[in-house]
């Protein structure tokens, strides 16, 4: 299955005209969403993310892609990976993964998972909840002995409901707030239409894929500014990489990268255009209702290990 290709018109007036035309056309009926029911019984399993992987190559982009909008063609989505792949192809010296690894390994970024299932290998009705944890007072060991506390200020995520077959979990759609570090800059995004797949056992999870959509406001208001800030920090501290970054993205040649320069960059333009229709005209989550691309797809990789923490209702 191939990733979706999205074509973008760069003239703002043409975009408005196209959107108006799309609204006038009768929308194609969206696939029927099957209601998901939370499991009434089950054992609660607790895990912590010990590795969160952001895609920086075409191989990773494809490996972490999921069919976020649930289209019947089963096309895989990961616009975020496409953008980061282009970014690192322009400046191969950029280290996107290292700052994220450091944040997780030092306990500065704690992502917790509570999985409710009757059987951790086979169960047709499983819930998977993602929580943000408070920063750890000491670096986690990730051997199953770590204890964490949920961040009381973090919003509660909608559980992802799915099934387990021979230890493979598939679930969605849900919602989740995801925290990460991009080029050393902390950033949090709210994912909608979240889908999750992973190989699971009582000992943890491997080959995990977490995908969802990010609205235009979230993408342009949080992700792009974080990338711009990270690039500017590198320009100040790493002369070896600075020239490459400035030549590629500093269109006004003032020595600083702005969000607008990233949005208008010819190299990134295709990757900085929304690829999913997840919201209806009122802004409610309703995939494929009005044929307007309003969200960007994100696909991340992850692994998890057992941990101890208390969730609401325990």
C-alpha atoms as a PDB file:
ATOM      1  CA  UNK A   1       0.000   0.000   0.000  1.00  0.00           C
ATOM      2  CA  UNK A   2       1.278   3.423  -0.960  1.00  0.00           C
ATOM      3  CA  UNK A   3       1.234   6.616   1.036  1.00  0.00           C
ATOM      4  CA  UNK A   4      -1.190   9.242  -0.146  1.00  0.00           C
ATOM      5  CA  UNK A   5       0.094  11.888  -2.560  1.00  0.00           C
ATOM      6  CA  UNK A   6      -1.262  15.358  -1.959  1.00  0.00           C
ATOM      7  CA  UNK A   7      -1.103  18.180  -4.480  1.00  0.00           C
ATOM      8  CA  UNK A   8      -1.069  21.737  -3.199  1.00  0.00           C
ATOM      9  CA  UNK A   9      -1.978  25.049  -4.818  1.00  0.00           C
ATOM     10  CA  UNK A  10       0.216  27.750  -3.397  1.00  0.00           C
ATOM     11  CA  UNK A  11      -1.797  30.818  -4.310  1.00  0.00           C
ATOM     12  CA  UNK A  12      -3.976  31.755  -1.320  1.00  0.00           C
ATOM     13  CA  UNK A  13      -6.825  33.105  -3.424  1.00  0.00           C
ATOM     14  CA  UNK A  14      -6.970  29.929  -5.468  1.00  0.00           C
ATOM     15  CA  UNK A  15      -7.114  27.870  -2.283  1.00  0.00           C
ATOM     16  CA  UNK A  16     -10.150  29.837  -1.081  1.00  0.00           C
ATOM     17  CA  UNK A  17     -11.866  29.372  -4.428  1.00  0.00           C
ATOM     18  CA  UNK A  18     -11.190  25.653  -4.404  1.00  0.00           C
ATOM     19  CA  UNK A  19     -12.510  25.284  -0.867  1.00  0.00           C
ATOM     20  CA  UNK A  20     -15.674  27.171  -1.783  1.00  0.00           C
ATOM     21  CA  UNK A  21     -16.145  24.911  -4.783  1.00  0.00           C
ATOM     22  CA  UNK A  22     -15.672  21.811  -2.636  1.00  0.00           C
ATOM     23  CA  UNK A  23     -18.366  23.010  -0.243  1.00  0.00           C
ATOM     24  CA  UNK A  24     -20.772  23.421  -3.125  1.00  0.00           C
ATOM     25  CA  UNK A  25     -20.256  19.855  -4.344  1.00  0.00           C
ATOM     26  CA  UNK A  26     -22.285  17.114  -2.721  1.00  0.00           C
ATOM     27  CA  UNK A  27     -19.824  15.204  -0.502  1.00  0.00           C
ATOM     28  CA  UNK A  28     -19.098  11.541  -1.020  1.00  0.00           C
ATOM     29  CA  UNK A  29     -20.690   9.474   1.770  1.00  0.00           C
ATOM     30  CA  UNK A  30     -18.082   8.553   4.377  1.00  0.00           C
ATOM     31  CA  UNK A  31     -17.482   4.956   5.472  1.00  0.00           C
ATOM     32  CA  UNK A  32     -19.777   3.948   8.306  1.00  0.00           C
ATOM     33  CA  UNK A  33     -17.967   4.105  11.639  1.00  0.00           C
ATOM     34  CA  UNK A  34     -18.613   1.023  13.764  1.00  0.00           C
ATOM     35  CA  UNK A  35     -19.302   2.053  17.391  1.00  0.00           C
ATOM     36  CA  UNK A  36     -16.646   0.847  19.813  1.00  0.00           C
ATOM     37  CA  UNK A  37     -17.674  -0.418  23.239  1.00  0.00           C
ATOM     38  CA  UNK A  38     -15.384  -0.231  26.263  1.00  0.00           C
ATOM     39  CA  UNK A  39     -14.646  -3.652  27.781  1.00  0.00           C
ATOM     40  CA  UNK A  40     -16.720  -4.394  30.876  1.00  0.00           C
ATOM     41  CA  UNK A  41     -14.207  -6.861  32.317  1.00  0.00           C
ATOM     42  CA  UNK A  42     -10.479  -7.386  32.174  1.00  0.00           C
ATOM     43  CA  UNK A  43      -7.133  -7.150  33.888  1.00  0.00           C
ATOM     44  CA  UNK A  44      -5.356  -3.790  33.818  1.00  0.00           C
ATOM     45  CA  UNK A  45      -1.771  -3.845  32.516  1.00  0.00           C
ATOM     46  CA  UNK A  46       0.501  -0.846  33.023  1.00  0.00           C
ATOM     47  CA  UNK A  47       3.362   0.243  30.759  1.00  0.00           C
ATOM     48  CA  UNK A  48       5.669   3.195  30.116  1.00  0.00           C
ATOM     49  CA  UNK A  49       7.138   4.256  26.777  1.00  0.00           C
ATOM     50  CA  UNK A  50      10.861   3.512  26.766  1.00  0.00           C
ATOM     51  CA  UNK A  51      11.338   4.490  23.116  1.00  0.00           C
ATOM     52  CA  UNK A  52       9.407   6.968  20.969  1.00  0.00           C
ATOM     53  CA  UNK A  53      10.606   7.129  17.379  1.00  0.00           C
ATOM     54  CA  UNK A  54       9.974  10.038  15.040  1.00  0.00           C
ATOM     55  CA  UNK A  55      10.296   9.173  11.339  1.00  0.00           C
ATOM     56  CA  UNK A  56      13.262  10.773   9.599  1.00  0.00           C
ATOM     57  CA  UNK A  57      13.612   8.441   6.606  1.00  0.00           C
ATOM     58  CA  UNK A  58      11.239   7.246   3.920  1.00  0.00           C
ATOM     59  CA  UNK A  59      11.471   3.726   5.327  1.00  0.00           C
ATOM     60  CA  UNK A  60      10.405   4.887   8.808  1.00  0.00           C
ATOM     61  CA  UNK A  61       7.672   7.088   7.356  1.00  0.00           C
ATOM     62  CA  UNK A  62       6.139   4.075   5.631  1.00  0.00           C
ATOM     63  CA  UNK A  63       6.762   1.719   8.564  1.00  0.00           C
ATOM     64  CA  UNK A  64       4.899   3.973  11.049  1.00  0.00           C
ATOM     65  CA  UNK A  65       2.056   4.977   8.700  1.00  0.00           C
ATOM     66  CA  UNK A  66      -1.538   3.970   9.463  1.00  0.00           C
ATOM     67  CA  UNK A  67      -4.862   4.418   7.708  1.00  0.00           C
ATOM     68  CA  UNK A  68      -5.804   7.329   9.971  1.00  0.00           C
ATOM     69  CA  UNK A  69      -8.990   8.418   8.228  1.00  0.00           C
ATOM     70  CA  UNK A  70     -10.215   4.856   7.691  1.00  0.00           C
ATOM     71  CA  UNK A  71     -10.670   5.240   3.943  1.00  0.00           C
ATOM     72  CA  UNK A  72     -11.853   2.063   2.183  1.00  0.00           C
ATOM     73  CA  UNK A  73      -8.771   2.037  -0.063  1.00  0.00           C
ATOM     74  CA  UNK A  74      -6.682   1.391   3.067  1.00  0.00           C
ATOM     75  CA  UNK A  75      -4.138   4.018   2.068  1.00  0.00           C
ATOM     76  CA  UNK A  76      -1.512   4.734   4.705  1.00  0.00           C
ATOM     77  CA  UNK A  77      -0.957   8.231   6.079  1.00  0.00           C
ATOM     78  CA  UNK A  78       2.116   9.941   7.532  1.00  0.00           C
ATOM     79  CA  UNK A  79       2.518  13.519   6.286  1.00  0.00           C
ATOM     80  CA  UNK A  80       4.615  14.385   9.354  1.00  0.00           C
ATOM     81  CA  UNK A  81       7.141  11.720   8.381  1.00  0.00           C
ATOM     82  CA  UNK A  82       7.296  13.045   4.825  1.00  0.00           C
ATOM     83  CA  UNK A  83       8.120  16.520   6.119  1.00  0.00           C
ATOM     84  CA  UNK A  84      10.844  15.347   8.499  1.00  0.00           C
ATOM     85  CA  UNK A  85      12.317  13.118   5.797  1.00  0.00           C
ATOM     86  CA  UNK A  86      12.612  16.114   3.471  1.00  0.00           C
ATOM     87  CA  UNK A  87      14.076  18.193   6.287  1.00  0.00           C
ATOM     88  CA  UNK A  88      16.810  15.677   7.041  1.00  0.00           C
ATOM     89  CA  UNK A  89      17.525  15.109   3.349  1.00  0.00           C
ATOM     90  CA  UNK A  90      18.327  18.820   3.043  1.00  0.00           C
ATOM     91  CA  UNK A  91      20.424  18.856   6.231  1.00  0.00           C
ATOM     92  CA  UNK A  92      21.566  15.285   7.008  1.00  0.00           C
ATOM     93  CA  UNK A  93      23.524  16.530  10.026  1.00  0.00           C
ATOM     94  CA  UNK A  94      20.313  17.327  11.914  1.00  0.00           C
ATOM     95  CA  UNK A  95      19.780  15.097  14.971  1.00  0.00           C
ATOM     96  CA  UNK A  96      16.027  14.806  15.415  1.00  0.00           C
ATOM     97  CA  UNK A  97      15.910  11.591  17.457  1.00  0.00           C
ATOM     98  CA  UNK A  98      18.659  12.254  19.988  1.00  0.00           C
ATOM     99  CA  UNK A  99      16.918  15.000  21.986  1.00  0.00           C
ATOM    100  CA  UNK A 100      13.764  12.879  22.202  1.00  0.00           C
ATOM    101  CA  UNK A 101      15.774   9.875  23.409  1.00  0.00           C
ATOM    102  CA  UNK A 102      17.440  12.009  26.064  1.00  0.00           C
ATOM    103  CA  UNK A 103      14.110  13.362  27.325  1.00  0.00           C
ATOM    104  CA  UNK A 104      12.703   9.851  27.728  1.00  0.00           C
ATOM    105  CA  UNK A 105      15.856   8.311  29.196  1.00  0.00           C
ATOM    106  CA  UNK A 106      16.152  11.040  31.842  1.00  0.00           C
ATOM    107  CA  UNK A 107      12.463  10.894  32.790  1.00  0.00           C
ATOM    108  CA  UNK A 108      11.661  14.370  31.491  1.00  0.00           C
ATOM    109  CA  UNK A 109       9.094  12.943  29.097  1.00  0.00           C
ATOM    110  CA  UNK A 110       6.871  10.238  30.588  1.00  0.00           C
ATOM    111  CA  UNK A 111       4.185   8.588  28.460  1.00  0.00           C
ATOM    112  CA  UNK A 112       2.129   5.943  30.258  1.00  0.00           C
ATOM    113  CA  UNK A 113      -0.206   3.240  28.933  1.00  0.00           C
ATOM    114  CA  UNK A 114      -2.992   1.339  30.680  1.00  0.00           C
ATOM    115  CA  UNK A 115      -4.302  -1.671  28.771  1.00  0.00           C
ATOM    116  CA  UNK A 116      -7.458  -3.478  29.902  1.00  0.00           C
ATOM    117  CA  UNK A 117      -7.866  -7.025  28.566  1.00  0.00           C
ATOM    118  CA  UNK A 118      -9.068 -10.402  29.766  1.00  0.00           C
ATOM    119  CA  UNK A 119      -6.099 -11.994  28.024  1.00  0.00           C
ATOM    120  CA  UNK A 120      -2.952 -10.068  26.981  1.00  0.00           C
ATOM    121  CA  UNK A 121      -2.663 -12.205  23.842  1.00  0.00           C
ATOM    122  CA  UNK A 122      -6.213 -12.783  22.576  1.00  0.00           C
ATOM    123  CA  UNK A 123      -9.242 -10.653  23.380  1.00  0.00           C
ATOM    124  CA  UNK A 124     -11.835  -9.185  20.977  1.00  0.00           C
ATOM    125  CA  UNK A 125     -12.564  -6.204  23.240  1.00  0.00           C
ATOM    126  CA  UNK A 126      -9.578  -4.299  24.651  1.00  0.00           C
ATOM    127  CA  UNK A 127      -9.093  -0.689  25.774  1.00  0.00           C
ATOM    128  CA  UNK A 128      -5.788   1.172  25.538  1.00  0.00           C
ATOM    129  CA  UNK A 129      -5.447   4.473  27.414  1.00  0.00           C
ATOM    130  CA  UNK A 130      -2.503   6.866  27.080  1.00  0.00           C
ATOM    131  CA  UNK A 131      -1.588   9.204  29.953  1.00  0.00           C
ATOM    132  CA  UNK A 132       1.033  11.883  30.411  1.00  0.00           C
ATOM    133  CA  UNK A 133       3.107  11.311  33.539  1.00  0.00           C
ATOM    134  CA  UNK A 134       4.854  13.778  35.778  1.00  0.00           C
ATOM    135  CA  UNK A 135       8.578  14.197  35.242  1.00  0.00           C
ATOM    136  CA  UNK A 136      10.504  11.502  37.087  1.00  0.00           C
ATOM    137  CA  UNK A 137      12.695  12.520  40.004  1.00  0.00           C
ATOM    138  CA  UNK A 138      15.417  10.179  38.762  1.00  0.00           C
ATOM    139  CA  UNK A 139      16.204   8.515  35.450  1.00  0.00           C
ATOM    140  CA  UNK A 140      13.958   5.475  34.794  1.00  0.00           C
ATOM    141  CA  UNK A 141      15.582   2.047  34.598  1.00  0.00           C
ATOM    142  CA  UNK A 142      12.883   0.584  32.318  1.00  0.00           C
ATOM    143  CA  UNK A 143      13.148  -2.861  33.882  1.00  0.00           C
ATOM    144  CA  UNK A 144       9.603  -3.029  35.233  1.00  0.00           C
ATOM    145  CA  UNK A 145      10.437  -1.545  38.634  1.00  0.00           C
ATOM    146  CA  UNK A 146       9.813   2.129  37.779  1.00  0.00           C
ATOM    147  CA  UNK A 147       6.991   3.965  39.527  1.00  0.00           C
ATOM    148  CA  UNK A 148       5.306   7.011  38.022  1.00  0.00           C
ATOM    149  CA  UNK A 149       2.562   9.518  38.810  1.00  0.00           C
ATOM    150  CA  UNK A 150       0.035  10.850  36.325  1.00  0.00           C
ATOM    151  CA  UNK A 151       0.263  14.563  35.539  1.00  0.00           C
ATOM    152  CA  UNK A 152      -2.920  16.018  37.105  1.00  0.00           C
ATOM    153  CA  UNK A 153      -2.743  19.042  34.796  1.00  0.00           C
ATOM    154  CA  UNK A 154      -2.788  16.953  31.630  1.00  0.00           C
ATOM    155  CA  UNK A 155      -6.095  16.440  29.828  1.00  0.00           C
ATOM    156  CA  UNK A 156      -7.664  12.988  29.935  1.00  0.00           C
ATOM    157  CA  UNK A 157      -7.326  11.133  26.644  1.00  0.00           C
ATOM    158  CA  UNK A 158     -10.113   9.116  25.045  1.00  0.00           C
ATOM    159  CA  UNK A 159      -9.324   5.385  25.314  1.00  0.00           C
ATOM    160  CA  UNK A 160      -8.487   3.538  22.122  1.00  0.00           C
ATOM    161  CA  UNK A 161     -10.719   0.487  21.803  1.00  0.00           C
ATOM    162  CA  UNK A 162      -9.593  -2.483  19.748  1.00  0.00           C
ATOM    163  CA  UNK A 163      -8.730  -6.164  19.837  1.00  0.00           C
ATOM    164  CA  UNK A 164      -5.839  -8.523  20.495  1.00  0.00           C
ATOM    165  CA  UNK A 165      -5.109 -11.427  18.152  1.00  0.00           C
ATOM    166  CA  UNK A 166      -2.101 -13.631  18.849  1.00  0.00           C
ATOM    167  CA  UNK A 167      -0.514 -10.783  20.793  1.00  0.00           C
ATOM    168  CA  UNK A 168      -1.108  -8.117  18.130  1.00  0.00           C
ATOM    169  CA  UNK A 169      -3.235  -5.151  19.187  1.00  0.00           C
ATOM    170  CA  UNK A 170      -5.149  -3.070  16.644  1.00  0.00           C
ATOM    171  CA  UNK A 171      -7.359  -0.232  17.828  1.00  0.00           C
ATOM    172  CA  UNK A 172      -8.941   3.115  17.080  1.00  0.00           C
ATOM    173  CA  UNK A 173     -10.214   5.650  16.657  1.00  0.00           C
ATOM    174  CA  UNK A 174      -9.518   7.600  19.833  1.00  0.00           C
ATOM    175  CA  UNK A 175      -7.831  10.823  20.897  1.00  0.00           C
ATOM    176  CA  UNK A 176      -4.554  11.533  22.658  1.00  0.00           C
ATOM    177  CA  UNK A 177      -2.251  14.331  23.617  1.00  0.00           C
ATOM    178  CA  UNK A 178       1.305  13.463  22.601  1.00  0.00           C
ATOM    179  CA  UNK A 179       4.403  15.201  23.950  1.00  0.00           C
ATOM    180  CA  UNK A 180       7.692  15.049  22.089  1.00  0.00           C
ATOM    181  CA  UNK A 181      10.914  16.935  21.501  1.00  0.00           C
ATOM    182  CA  UNK A 182      11.762  18.281  18.038  1.00  0.00           C
ATOM    183  CA  UNK A 183      15.314  19.554  17.564  1.00  0.00           C
ATOM    184  CA  UNK A 184      15.514  19.979  21.323  1.00  0.00           C
ATOM    185  CA  UNK A 185      12.245  21.916  21.568  1.00  0.00           C
ATOM    186  CA  UNK A 186       9.420  20.485  23.696  1.00  0.00           C
ATOM    187  CA  UNK A 187       6.084  20.391  21.900  1.00  0.00           C
ATOM    188  CA  UNK A 188       2.695  18.882  22.664  1.00  0.00           C
ATOM    189  CA  UNK A 189       0.057  18.115  20.082  1.00  0.00           C
ATOM    190  CA  UNK A 190      -3.514  16.869  20.309  1.00  0.00           C
ATOM    191  CA  UNK A 191      -4.069  13.887  18.022  1.00  0.00           C
ATOM    192  CA  UNK A 192      -7.544  13.121  16.697  1.00  0.00           C
ATOM    193  CA  UNK A 193      -8.667   9.919  15.040  1.00  0.00           C
ATOM    194  CA  UNK A 194      -5.904   8.081  16.881  1.00  0.00           C
ATOM    195  CA  UNK A 195      -5.080   4.556  15.750  1.00  0.00           C
ATOM    196  CA  UNK A 196      -2.614   2.245  17.462  1.00  0.00           C
ATOM    197  CA  UNK A 197      -1.009  -1.049  16.515  1.00  0.00           C
ATOM    198  CA  UNK A 198       1.609  -3.040  18.394  1.00  0.00           C
ATOM    199  CA  UNK A 199       2.768  -6.502  19.403  1.00  0.00           C
ATOM    200  CA  UNK A 200       1.852  -6.848  23.066  1.00  0.00           C
ATOM    201  CA  UNK A 201       2.519  -9.179  25.967  1.00  0.00           C
ATOM    202  CA  UNK A 202       2.618  -8.822  29.737  1.00  0.00           C
ATOM    203  CA  UNK A 203       6.322  -7.990  29.310  1.00  0.00           C
ATOM    204  CA  UNK A 204       5.653  -4.905  27.176  1.00  0.00           C
ATOM    205  CA  UNK A 205       5.112  -3.889  23.589  1.00  0.00           C
ATOM    206  CA  UNK A 206       7.305  -3.815  20.483  1.00  0.00           C
ATOM    207  CA  UNK A 207       6.844  -2.702  16.880  1.00  0.00           C
ATOM    208  CA  UNK A 208       4.367  -0.078  18.087  1.00  0.00           C
ATOM    209  CA  UNK A 209       2.763   2.403  15.716  1.00  0.00           C
ATOM    210  CA  UNK A 210       0.808   5.426  16.928  1.00  0.00           C
ATOM    211  CA  UNK A 211      -0.971   7.473  14.284  1.00  0.00           C
ATOM    212  CA  UNK A 212      -3.515  10.250  14.176  1.00  0.00           C
ATOM    213  CA  UNK A 213      -4.392  13.608  12.731  1.00  0.00           C
ATOM    214  CA  UNK A 214      -3.296  17.081  13.776  1.00  0.00           C
ATOM    215  CA  UNK A 215      -5.495  20.032  12.866  1.00  0.00           C
ATOM    216  CA  UNK A 216      -4.121  22.843  10.747  1.00  0.00           C
ATOM    217  CA  UNK A 217      -4.071  25.173  13.777  1.00  0.00           C
ATOM    218  CA  UNK A 218      -2.091  22.643  15.856  1.00  0.00           C
ATOM    219  CA  UNK A 219       0.351  21.908  13.052  1.00  0.00           C
ATOM    220  CA  UNK A 220       1.065  25.517  12.133  1.00  0.00           C
ATOM    221  CA  UNK A 221       0.754  26.835  15.676  1.00  0.00           C
ATOM    222  CA  UNK A 222       2.861  24.234  17.494  1.00  0.00           C
ATOM    223  CA  UNK A 223       4.839  21.832  15.305  1.00  0.00           C
ATOM    224  CA  UNK A 224       6.203  24.292  12.745  1.00  0.00           C
ATOM    225  CA  UNK A 225       7.200  26.922  15.350  1.00  0.00           C
ATOM    226  CA  UNK A 226       9.019  24.213  17.339  1.00  0.00           C
ATOM    227  CA  UNK A 227      10.955  23.179  14.238  1.00  0.00           C
ATOM    228  CA  UNK A 228      11.787  26.799  13.410  1.00  0.00           C
ATOM    229  CA  UNK A 229      12.987  27.436  16.985  1.00  0.00           C
ATOM    230  CA  UNK A 230      15.095  24.281  16.904  1.00  0.00           C
ATOM    231  CA  UNK A 231      16.707  25.256  13.610  1.00  0.00           C
ATOM    232  CA  UNK A 232      17.479  28.732  14.938  1.00  0.00           C
ATOM    233  CA  UNK A 233      19.095  27.260  18.040  1.00  0.00           C
ATOM    234  CA  UNK A 234      21.285  25.051  15.862  1.00  0.00           C
ATOM    235  CA  UNK A 235      22.258  28.057  13.742  1.00  0.00           C
ATOM    236  CA  UNK A 236      23.528  29.785  16.890  1.00  0.00           C
ATOM    237  CA  UNK A 237      25.463  26.824  18.252  1.00  0.00           C
ATOM    238  CA  UNK A 238      26.658  24.715  15.306  1.00  0.00           C
ATOM    239  CA  UNK A 239      28.485  26.558  12.558  1.00  0.00           C
ATOM    240  CA  UNK A 240      29.048  23.351  10.596  1.00  0.00           C
ATOM    241  CA  UNK A 241      25.302  22.860  10.074  1.00  0.00           C
ATOM    242  CA  UNK A 242      24.243  26.522  10.145  1.00  0.00           C
ATOM    243  CA  UNK A 243      25.248  27.325   6.561  1.00  0.00           C
ATOM    244  CA  UNK A 244      23.317  24.364   5.168  1.00  0.00           C
ATOM    245  CA  UNK A 245      20.173  25.334   7.098  1.00  0.00           C
ATOM    246  CA  UNK A 246      20.391  29.001   6.132  1.00  0.00           C
ATOM    247  CA  UNK A 247      20.947  28.257   2.461  1.00  0.00           C
ATOM    248  CA  UNK A 248      17.974  25.911   2.379  1.00  0.00           C
ATOM    249  CA  UNK A 249      15.392  27.819   4.449  1.00  0.00           C
ATOM    250  CA  UNK A 250      16.434  31.451   5.082  1.00  0.00           C
ATOM    251  CA  UNK A 251      14.723  33.009   2.074  1.00  0.00           C
ATOM    252  CA  UNK A 252      15.134  36.616   3.249  1.00  0.00           C
ATOM    253  CA  UNK A 253      18.771  35.973   4.264  1.00  0.00           C
ATOM    254  CA  UNK A 254      18.457  37.634   7.662  1.00  0.00           C
ATOM    255  CA  UNK A 255      20.039  34.747   9.569  1.00  0.00           C
ATOM    256  CA  UNK A 256      16.792  33.538  11.181  1.00  0.00           C
ATOM    257  CA  UNK A 257      14.308  30.859  10.119  1.00  0.00           C
ATOM    258  CA  UNK A 258      10.623  31.696  10.521  1.00  0.00           C
ATOM    259  CA  UNK A 259       7.519  29.524  10.374  1.00  0.00           C
ATOM    260  CA  UNK A 260       6.454  31.378   7.245  1.00  0.00           C
ATOM    261  CA  UNK A 261       9.747  30.537   5.535  1.00  0.00           C
ATOM    262  CA  UNK A 262       9.199  26.865   6.281  1.00  0.00           C
ATOM    263  CA  UNK A 263       5.615  27.000   4.983  1.00  0.00           C
ATOM    264  CA  UNK A 264       6.695  28.701   1.746  1.00  0.00           C
ATOM    265  CA  UNK A 265       9.865  26.702   1.180  1.00  0.00           C
ATOM    266  CA  UNK A 266       9.756  24.991  -2.252  1.00  0.00           C
ATOM    267  CA  UNK A 267      11.401  21.861  -0.833  1.00  0.00           C
ATOM    268  CA  UNK A 268       8.859  21.428   1.970  1.00  0.00           C
ATOM    269  CA  UNK A 269       5.744  22.818   0.296  1.00  0.00           C
ATOM    270  CA  UNK A 270       4.157  19.477  -0.610  1.00  0.00           C
ATOM    271  CA  UNK A 271       4.835  18.107   2.857  1.00  0.00           C
ATOM    272  CA  UNK A 272       3.364  21.176   4.599  1.00  0.00           C
ATOM    273  CA  UNK A 273      -0.083  20.797   3.075  1.00  0.00           C
ATOM    274  CA  UNK A 274      -2.882  18.978   4.946  1.00  0.00           C
ATOM    275  CA  UNK A 275      -3.667  15.495   3.658  1.00  0.00           C
ATOM    276  CA  UNK A 276      -6.725  14.348   5.652  1.00  0.00           C
ATOM    277  CA  UNK A 277     -10.402  15.286   5.893  1.00  0.00           C
ATOM    278  CA  UNK A 278     -11.208  14.464   9.521  1.00  0.00           C
ATOM    279  CA  UNK A 279     -13.580  17.279  10.519  1.00  0.00           C
ATOM    280  CA  UNK A 280     -16.964  18.357   9.246  1.00  0.00           C
ATOM    281  CA  UNK A 281     -17.915  21.973   8.571  1.00  0.00           C
ATOM    282  CA  UNK A 282     -18.698  22.543  12.266  1.00  0.00           C
ATOM    283  CA  UNK A 283     -15.280  21.246  13.374  1.00  0.00           C
ATOM    284  CA  UNK A 284     -16.637  17.979  14.731  1.00  0.00           C
ATOM    285  CA  UNK A 285     -14.631  14.797  14.180  1.00  0.00           C
ATOM    286  CA  UNK A 286     -16.351  13.152  11.213  1.00  0.00           C
ATOM    287  CA  UNK A 287     -13.936  11.753   8.587  1.00  0.00           C
ATOM    288  CA  UNK A 288     -14.695  12.220   4.911  1.00  0.00           C
ATOM    289  CA  UNK A 289     -17.795  14.399   5.291  1.00  0.00           C
ATOM    290  CA  UNK A 290     -16.998  17.569   3.342  1.00  0.00           C
ATOM    291  CA  UNK A 291     -13.956  16.753   1.182  1.00  0.00           C
ATOM    292  CA  UNK A 292     -11.925  19.574   2.767  1.00  0.00           C
ATOM    293  CA  UNK A 293      -8.383  18.673   3.845  1.00  0.00           C
ATOM    294  CA  UNK A 294      -8.263  19.993   7.406  1.00  0.00           C
ATOM    295  CA  UNK A 295      -5.652  17.854   9.175  1.00  0.00           C
ATOM    296  CA  UNK A 296      -2.132  16.481   8.880  1.00  0.00           C
ATOM    297  CA  UNK A 297      -1.384  12.821   9.455  1.00  0.00           C
ATOM    298  CA  UNK A 298       1.269  11.782  11.969  1.00  0.00           C
ATOM    299  CA  UNK A 299       2.768   8.337  12.433  1.00  0.00           C
ATOM    300  CA  UNK A 300       5.253   7.514  15.213  1.00  0.00           C
ATOM    301  CA  UNK A 301       6.956   4.342  16.395  1.00  0.00           C
ATOM    302  CA  UNK A 302       7.202   3.243  20.014  1.00  0.00           C
ATOM    303  CA  UNK A 303       8.021   0.459  22.445  1.00  0.00           C
ATOM    304  CA  UNK A 304       6.941   0.066  26.067  1.00  0.00           C
ATOM    305  CA  UNK A 305       7.855  -1.862  29.209  1.00  0.00           C
ATOM    306  CA  UNK A 306       5.952  -2.651  32.437  1.00  0.00           C
ATOM    307  CA  UNK A 307       5.644   0.107  35.027  1.00  0.00           C
ATOM    308  CA  UNK A 308       3.658   0.990  38.135  1.00  0.00           C
ATOM    309  CA  UNK A 309       1.223   3.886  38.401  1.00  0.00           C
ATOM    310  CA  UNK A 310      -2.367   4.565  39.406  1.00  0.00           C
ATOM    311  CA  UNK A 311      -5.068   5.627  36.979  1.00  0.00           C
ATOM    312  CA  UNK A 312      -8.436   7.256  37.749  1.00  0.00           C
ATOM    313  CA  UNK A 313     -10.824   4.574  38.860  1.00  0.00           C
ATOM    314  CA  UNK A 314      -8.139   2.167  40.167  1.00  0.00           C
END
